[in-house]
Amino acid sequence: MLRIFDYHKKSIGVFNDYDALLGFITSVENEKVLEGHAALGLGYWAFAYYPPAKFKHVCAWIKPGFLKPVQLKALEQELGLLEIYRGNSAAVQEIPVTPDLDVEDFKKKFCLDYCRQRGWRLIETLGHKSSQQTHVVERRCAVHPHTRKSRLAQMTLNNVRGRRMRAELDSRIERLRQKHLAANSLPPPAHTPPQKGEF
């Protein structure tokens, strides 16, 4: 079980496994494509695994001469292919899937990197059927430098707002105290006209 929280501790979602989390990430990134997101080239994330049969079928539709060396190597050796985009659609990472390569590890790392880039916190709960206990593994994704700066700016802004609100509250309390003191104190002596012989 995976739980994702943003840096305000607001829940983003609960997922059964990394496949479900990857599906969520894919849907978020596909919305960018559908909306014609302005920063698509700079912020596009995608993870695709093509098993050997599917990869061969995809390559059949690509014109000869347009396949990259990594794709040709995977096609010749009848291997699958991993395609990973991490924030830049121009910089794709393509990895031939050999028998000793664990696709699940790459998927997990991709999901953790995505959370880290967003400044999200991922908590993974591992339940064992044989025992009734649940182990919690926290994966605190390091905060992306840009997110850290914006969080610091937000904290500073909150501190400034907090000081202003505190000063305003203190002045209100002081005014109410003065008003209360004035209402509960003895009234000032009434002005009496001077008597004969007084100046």
C-alpha atoms as a PDB file:
ATOM      1  CA  MET A   1       0.000   0.000   0.000  1.00  0.00           C
ATOM      2  CA  LEU A   2       1.394   3.376  -1.009  1.00  0.00           C
ATOM      3  CA  ARG A   3       0.259   6.697   0.435  1.00  0.00           C
ATOM      4  CA  ILE A   4       1.321   9.980  -1.147  1.00  0.00           C
ATOM      5  CA  PHE A   5       1.208  13.361   0.624  1.00  0.00           C
ATOM      6  CA  ASP A   6       2.247  16.783  -0.603  1.00  0.00           C
ATOM      7  CA  TYR A   7       4.504  19.027   1.505  1.00  0.00           C
ATOM      8  CA  HIS A   8       1.416  20.535   3.197  1.00  0.00           C
ATOM      9  CA  LYS A   9       0.593  16.975   4.420  1.00  0.00           C
ATOM     10  CA  LYS A  10      -2.481  16.905   2.168  1.00  0.00           C
ATOM     11  CA  SER A  11      -3.255  13.423   0.831  1.00  0.00           C
ATOM     12  CA  ILE A  12      -2.714  13.037  -2.905  1.00  0.00           C
ATOM     13  CA  GLY A  13      -3.776   9.411  -3.084  1.00  0.00           C
ATOM     14  CA  VAL A  14      -3.582   5.823  -1.852  1.00  0.00           C
ATOM     15  CA  PHE A  15      -2.338   3.154  -4.265  1.00  0.00           C
ATOM     16  CA  ASN A  16      -2.169  -0.630  -3.976  1.00  0.00           C
ATOM     17  CA  ASP A  17       1.232  -0.899  -5.673  1.00  0.00           C
ATOM     18  CA  TYR A  18       3.699   0.850  -7.947  1.00  0.00           C
ATOM     19  CA  ASP A  19       1.679  -0.151 -11.042  1.00  0.00           C
ATOM     20  CA  ALA A  20      -1.304   1.814  -9.701  1.00  0.00           C
ATOM     21  CA  LEU A  21       0.929   4.781  -8.822  1.00  0.00           C
ATOM     22  CA  LEU A  22       2.465   4.654 -12.300  1.00  0.00           C
ATOM     23  CA  GLY A  23      -1.055   4.685 -13.791  1.00  0.00           C
ATOM     24  CA  PHE A  24      -1.835   7.823 -11.753  1.00  0.00           C
ATOM     25  CA  ILE A  25       1.387   9.516 -12.868  1.00  0.00           C
ATOM     26  CA  THR A  26       0.650   8.605 -16.494  1.00  0.00           C
ATOM     27  CA  SER A  27      -2.860  10.084 -16.291  1.00  0.00           C
ATOM     28  CA  VAL A  28      -1.500  13.326 -14.773  1.00  0.00           C
ATOM     29  CA  GLU A  29       1.136  13.611 -17.494  1.00  0.00           C
ATOM     30  CA  ASN A  30      -1.359  12.756 -20.269  1.00  0.00           C
ATOM     31  CA  GLU A  31      -3.572  15.627 -19.098  1.00  0.00           C
ATOM     32  CA  LYS A  32      -0.643  17.935 -19.853  1.00  0.00           C
ATOM     33  CA  VAL A  33      -0.576  16.608 -23.419  1.00  0.00           C
ATOM     34  CA  LEU A  34      -4.342  17.019 -23.834  1.00  0.00           C
ATOM     35  CA  GLU A  35      -4.308  20.541 -22.416  1.00  0.00           C
ATOM     36  CA  GLY A  36      -1.374  21.565 -24.616  1.00  0.00           C
ATOM     37  CA  HIS A  37       0.633  22.374 -21.516  1.00  0.00           C
ATOM     38  CA  ALA A  38       3.013  25.273 -22.197  1.00  0.00           C
ATOM     39  CA  ALA A  39       5.950  23.682 -20.380  1.00  0.00           C
ATOM     40  CA  LEU A  40       5.379  20.190 -21.774  1.00  0.00           C
ATOM     41  CA  GLY A  41       8.891  19.893 -23.191  1.00  0.00           C
ATOM     42  CA  LEU A  42      10.406  20.788 -19.831  1.00  0.00           C
ATOM     43  CA  GLY A  43       8.123  18.877 -17.500  1.00  0.00           C
ATOM     44  CA  TYR A  44       7.058  15.702 -19.296  1.00  0.00           C
ATOM     45  CA  TRP A  45       7.431  12.432 -17.370  1.00  0.00           C
ATOM     46  CA  ALA A  46       6.657   9.020 -18.840  1.00  0.00           C
ATOM     47  CA  PHE A  47       7.568   5.386 -18.273  1.00  0.00           C
ATOM     48  CA  ALA A  48       6.871   2.806 -20.961  1.00  0.00           C
ATOM     49  CA  TYR A  49       7.822  -0.854 -21.094  1.00  0.00           C
ATOM     50  CA  TYR A  50       7.555  -2.638 -24.445  1.00  0.00           C
ATOM     51  CA  PRO A  51       7.816  -6.451 -24.191  1.00  0.00           C
ATOM     52  CA  PRO A  52       9.699  -8.037 -27.133  1.00  0.00           C
ATOM     53  CA  ALA A  53       6.576  -8.860 -29.200  1.00  0.00           C
ATOM     54  CA  LYS A  54       5.032  -5.427 -28.720  1.00  0.00           C
ATOM     55  CA  PHE A  55       8.330  -3.669 -29.416  1.00  0.00           C
ATOM     56  CA  LYS A  56       8.737  -5.639 -32.655  1.00  0.00           C
ATOM     57  CA  HIS A  57       5.198  -4.618 -33.669  1.00  0.00           C
ATOM     58  CA  VAL A  58       5.904  -0.920 -32.887  1.00  0.00           C
ATOM     59  CA  CYS A  59       9.158  -1.004 -34.891  1.00  0.00           C
ATOM     60  CA  ALA A  60       7.292  -2.411 -37.897  1.00  0.00           C
ATOM     61  CA  TRP A  61       5.496   0.948 -38.178  1.00  0.00           C
ATOM     62  CA  ILE A  62       8.710   3.012 -38.039  1.00  0.00           C
ATOM     63  CA  LYS A  63      10.404   3.847 -41.320  1.00  0.00           C
ATOM     64  CA  PRO A  64      13.819   2.231 -41.878  1.00  0.00           C
ATOM     65  CA  GLY A  65      16.616   4.600 -40.949  1.00  0.00           C
ATOM     66  CA  PHE A  66      14.615   6.267 -38.172  1.00  0.00           C
ATOM     67  CA  LEU A  67      15.409   3.684 -35.516  1.00  0.00           C
ATOM     68  CA  LYS A  68      18.056   4.690 -32.982  1.00  0.00           C
ATOM     69  CA  PRO A  69      21.067   2.410 -32.319  1.00  0.00           C
ATOM     70  CA  VAL A  70      19.624   1.281 -28.960  1.00  0.00           C
ATOM     71  CA  GLN A  71      16.315   0.401 -30.624  1.00  0.00           C
ATOM     72  CA  LEU A  72      18.098  -1.500 -33.405  1.00  0.00           C
ATOM     73  CA  LYS A  73      20.143  -3.459 -30.844  1.00  0.00           C
ATOM     74  CA  ALA A  74      16.992  -4.409 -28.912  1.00  0.00           C
ATOM     75  CA  LEU A  75      15.182  -5.367 -32.131  1.00  0.00           C
ATOM     76  CA  GLU A  76      18.070  -7.508 -33.439  1.00  0.00           C
ATOM     77  CA  GLN A  77      18.453  -9.336 -30.122  1.00  0.00           C
ATOM     78  CA  GLU A  78      14.654  -9.714 -29.765  1.00  0.00           C
ATOM     79  CA  LEU A  79      14.633  -7.821 -26.461  1.00  0.00           C
ATOM     80  CA  GLY A  80      12.036  -5.560 -24.930  1.00  0.00           C
ATOM     81  CA  LEU A  81      12.657  -1.838 -24.406  1.00  0.00           C
ATOM     82  CA  LEU A  82      12.179   0.631 -21.575  1.00  0.00           C
ATOM     83  CA  GLU A  83      11.500   4.275 -22.480  1.00  0.00           C
ATOM     84  CA  ILE A  84      11.821   6.754 -19.623  1.00  0.00           C
ATOM     85  CA  TYR A  85      11.246  10.525 -19.762  1.00  0.00           C
ATOM     86  CA  ARG A  86      12.232  12.450 -16.653  1.00  0.00           C
ATOM     87  CA  GLY A  87      11.153  16.039 -17.115  1.00  0.00           C
ATOM     88  CA  ASN A  88      12.502  16.620 -20.607  1.00  0.00           C
ATOM     89  CA  SER A  89      10.823  15.118 -23.650  1.00  0.00           C
ATOM     90  CA  ALA A  90      13.996  15.627 -25.705  1.00  0.00           C
ATOM     91  CA  ALA A  91      16.098  13.525 -23.313  1.00  0.00           C
ATOM     92  CA  VAL A  92      14.622  10.048 -23.420  1.00  0.00           C
ATOM     93  CA  GLN A  93      16.380   7.174 -21.686  1.00  0.00           C
ATOM     94  CA  GLU A  94      16.054   3.952 -23.666  1.00  0.00           C
ATOM     95  CA  ILE A  95      17.188   0.696 -22.103  1.00  0.00           C
ATOM     96  CA  PRO A  96      17.091  -2.737 -23.761  1.00  0.00           C
ATOM     97  CA  VAL A  97      15.412  -5.209 -21.386  1.00  0.00           C
ATOM     98  CA  THR A  98      17.781  -8.130 -20.958  1.00  0.00           C
ATOM     99  CA  PRO A  99      16.779 -11.194 -18.884  1.00  0.00           C
ATOM    100  CA  ASP A 100      18.799  -9.971 -15.875  1.00  0.00           C
ATOM    101  CA  LEU A 101      17.247  -6.465 -15.903  1.00  0.00           C
ATOM    102  CA  ASP A 102      14.500  -5.892 -13.306  1.00  0.00           C
ATOM    103  CA  VAL A 103      11.790  -3.666 -14.826  1.00  0.00           C
ATOM    104  CA  GLU A 104      10.079  -3.352 -11.427  1.00  0.00           C
ATOM    105  CA  ASP A 105      13.167  -1.677  -9.931  1.00  0.00           C
ATOM    106  CA  PHE A 106      13.207   0.887 -12.741  1.00  0.00           C
ATOM    107  CA  LYS A 107       9.467   1.483 -12.288  1.00  0.00           C
ATOM    108  CA  LYS A 108       9.899   1.988  -8.536  1.00  0.00           C
ATOM    109  CA  LYS A 109      12.827   4.378  -9.030  1.00  0.00           C
ATOM    110  CA  PHE A 110      10.846   6.327 -11.637  1.00  0.00           C
ATOM    111  CA  CYS A 111       7.894   6.718  -9.241  1.00  0.00           C
ATOM    112  CA  LEU A 112      10.181   7.807  -6.380  1.00  0.00           C
ATOM    113  CA  ASP A 113      11.951  10.324  -8.641  1.00  0.00           C
ATOM    114  CA  TYR A 114       8.584  11.720  -9.747  1.00  0.00           C
ATOM    115  CA  CYS A 115       7.483  12.153  -6.130  1.00  0.00           C
ATOM    116  CA  ARG A 116      10.833  13.717  -5.236  1.00  0.00           C
ATOM    117  CA  GLN A 117      10.578  16.171  -8.117  1.00  0.00           C
ATOM    118  CA  ARG A 118       7.108  17.249  -6.933  1.00  0.00           C
ATOM    119  CA  GLY A 119       8.187  17.505  -3.276  1.00  0.00           C
ATOM    120  CA  TRP A 120       5.777  14.715  -2.306  1.00  0.00           C
ATOM    121  CA  ARG A 121       6.211  12.231   0.540  1.00  0.00           C
ATOM    122  CA  LEU A 122       5.641   8.542  -0.163  1.00  0.00           C
ATOM    123  CA  ILE A 123       4.842   6.083   2.614  1.00  0.00           C
ATOM    124  CA  GLU A 124       4.940   2.391   1.709  1.00  0.00           C
ATOM    125  CA  THR A 125       3.148  -0.053   4.017  1.00  0.00           C
ATOM    126  CA  LEU A 126       4.145  -3.682   3.651  1.00  0.00           C
ATOM    127  CA  GLY A 127       1.657  -6.217   5.019  1.00  0.00           C
ATOM    128  CA  HIS A 128       2.568  -9.873   5.472  1.00  0.00           C
ATOM    129  CA  LYS A 129      -0.223 -12.462   5.290  1.00  0.00           C
ATOM    130  CA  SER A 130       1.591 -14.913   7.583  1.00  0.00           C
ATOM    131  CA  SER A 131       1.857 -12.358  10.371  1.00  0.00           C
ATOM    132  CA  GLN A 132      -0.792  -9.847  11.316  1.00  0.00           C
ATOM    133  CA  GLN A 133       1.632  -6.978  11.683  1.00  0.00           C
ATOM    134  CA  THR A 134       2.236  -4.215   9.191  1.00  0.00           C
ATOM    135  CA  HIS A 135       5.616  -2.694   8.535  1.00  0.00           C
ATOM    136  CA  VAL A 136       5.828   0.938   7.537  1.00  0.00           C
ATOM    137  CA  VAL A 137       8.671   1.978   5.308  1.00  0.00           C
ATOM    138  CA  GLU A 138       8.920   5.711   4.844  1.00  0.00           C
ATOM    139  CA  ARG A 139      10.489   6.901   1.656  1.00  0.00           C
ATOM    140  CA  ARG A 140      11.085  10.546   2.274  1.00  0.00           C
ATOM    141  CA  CYS A 141      11.744  11.908  -1.131  1.00  0.00           C
ATOM    142  CA  ALA A 142      14.378  14.591  -0.996  1.00  0.00           C
ATOM    143  CA  VAL A 143      12.858  17.917  -1.908  1.00  0.00           C
ATOM    144  CA  HIS A 144      13.695  19.269  -5.325  1.00  0.00           C
ATOM    145  CA  PRO A 145      15.843  22.457  -5.018  1.00  0.00           C
ATOM    146  CA  HIS A 146      13.184  24.620  -6.705  1.00  0.00           C
ATOM    147  CA  THR A 147      10.512  23.257  -4.389  1.00  0.00           C
ATOM    148  CA  ARG A 148      12.778  23.856  -1.392  1.00  0.00           C
ATOM    149  CA  LYS A 149      13.192  27.501  -2.410  1.00  0.00           C
ATOM    150  CA  SER A 150       9.474  27.985  -2.898  1.00  0.00           C
ATOM    151  CA  ARG A 151       8.783  26.291   0.460  1.00  0.00           C
ATOM    152  CA  LEU A 152      11.324  28.561   2.141  1.00  0.00           C
ATOM    153  CA  ALA A 153       9.726  31.592   0.494  1.00  0.00           C
ATOM    154  CA  GLN A 154       6.277  30.404   1.624  1.00  0.00           C
ATOM    155  CA  MET A 155       7.520  29.850   5.183  1.00  0.00           C
ATOM    156  CA  THR A 156       9.088  33.318   5.213  1.00  0.00           C
ATOM    157  CA  LEU A 157       5.862  34.830   3.892  1.00  0.00           C
ATOM    158  CA  ASN A 158       3.885  32.939   6.530  1.00  0.00           C
ATOM    159  CA  ASN A 159       6.241  34.238   9.242  1.00  0.00           C
ATOM    160  CA  VAL A 160       5.810  37.825   8.034  1.00  0.00           C
ATOM    161  CA  ARG A 161       2.038  37.400   7.895  1.00  0.00           C
ATOM    162  CA  GLY A 162       2.111  35.794  11.333  1.00  0.00           C
ATOM    163  CA  ARG A 163       4.077  38.701  12.812  1.00  0.00           C
ATOM    164  CA  ARG A 164       1.674  41.214  11.247  1.00  0.00           C
ATOM    165  CA  MET A 165      -1.341  39.321  12.543  1.00  0.00           C
ATOM    166  CA  ARG A 166       0.236  39.030  15.991  1.00  0.00           C
ATOM    167  CA  ALA A 167       0.983  42.777  16.074  1.00  0.00           C
ATOM    168  CA  GLU A 168      -2.553  43.554  14.939  1.00  0.00           C
ATOM    169  CA  LEU A 169      -3.979  41.213  17.564  1.00  0.00           C
ATOM    170  CA  ASP A 170      -1.783  42.755  20.272  1.00  0.00           C
ATOM    171  CA  SER A 171      -2.977  46.250  19.348  1.00  0.00           C
ATOM    172  CA  ARG A 172      -6.625  45.082  19.420  1.00  0.00           C
ATOM    173  CA  ILE A 173      -6.117  43.535  22.835  1.00  0.00           C
ATOM    174  CA  GLU A 174      -4.512  46.734  24.097  1.00  0.00           C
ATOM    175  CA  ARG A 175      -7.411  48.844  22.763  1.00  0.00           C
ATOM    176  CA  LEU A 176      -9.933  46.503  24.403  1.00  0.00           C
ATOM    177  CA  ARG A 177      -7.981  46.609  27.662  1.00  0.00           C
ATOM    178  CA  GLN A 178      -7.920  50.411  27.601  1.00  0.00           C
ATOM    179  CA  LYS A 179     -11.642  50.470  26.811  1.00  0.00           C
ATOM    180  CA  HIS A 180     -12.344  48.045  29.651  1.00  0.00           C
ATOM    181  CA  LEU A 181     -10.255  50.061  32.089  1.00  0.00           C
ATOM    182  CA  ALA A 182     -12.005  53.237  31.057  1.00  0.00           C
ATOM    183  CA  ALA A 183     -15.439  51.644  31.496  1.00  0.00           C
ATOM    184  CA  ASN A 184     -14.620  50.205  34.942  1.00  0.00           C
ATOM    185  CA  SER A 185     -12.743  53.168  36.398  1.00  0.00           C
ATOM    186  CA  LEU A 186     -14.377  55.935  38.393  1.00  0.00           C
ATOM    187  CA  PRO A 187     -15.790  58.662  36.258  1.00  0.00           C
ATOM    188  CA  PRO A 188     -13.722  61.825  36.183  1.00  0.00           C
ATOM    189  CA  PRO A 189     -14.917  64.500  38.597  1.00  0.00           C
ATOM    190  CA  ALA A 190     -17.596  66.741  37.121  1.00  0.00           C
ATOM    191  CA  HIS A 191     -16.465  70.241  36.273  1.00  0.00           C
ATOM    192  CA  THR A 192     -17.718  72.627  38.918  1.00  0.00           C
ATOM    193  CA  PRO A 193     -17.689  76.366  38.452  1.00  0.00           C
ATOM    194  CA  PRO A 194     -15.140  78.171  40.632  1.00  0.00           C
ATOM    195  CA  GLN A 195     -16.390  79.461  43.996  1.00  0.00           C
ATOM    196  CA  LYS A 196     -15.961  83.005  45.219  1.00  0.00           C
ATOM    197  CA  GLY A 197     -12.434  83.679  46.129  1.00  0.00           C
ATOM    198  CA  GLU A 198     -11.033  80.868  43.920  1.00  0.00           C
ATOM    199  CA  PHE A 199      -9.158  81.528  40.782  1.00  0.00           C
END
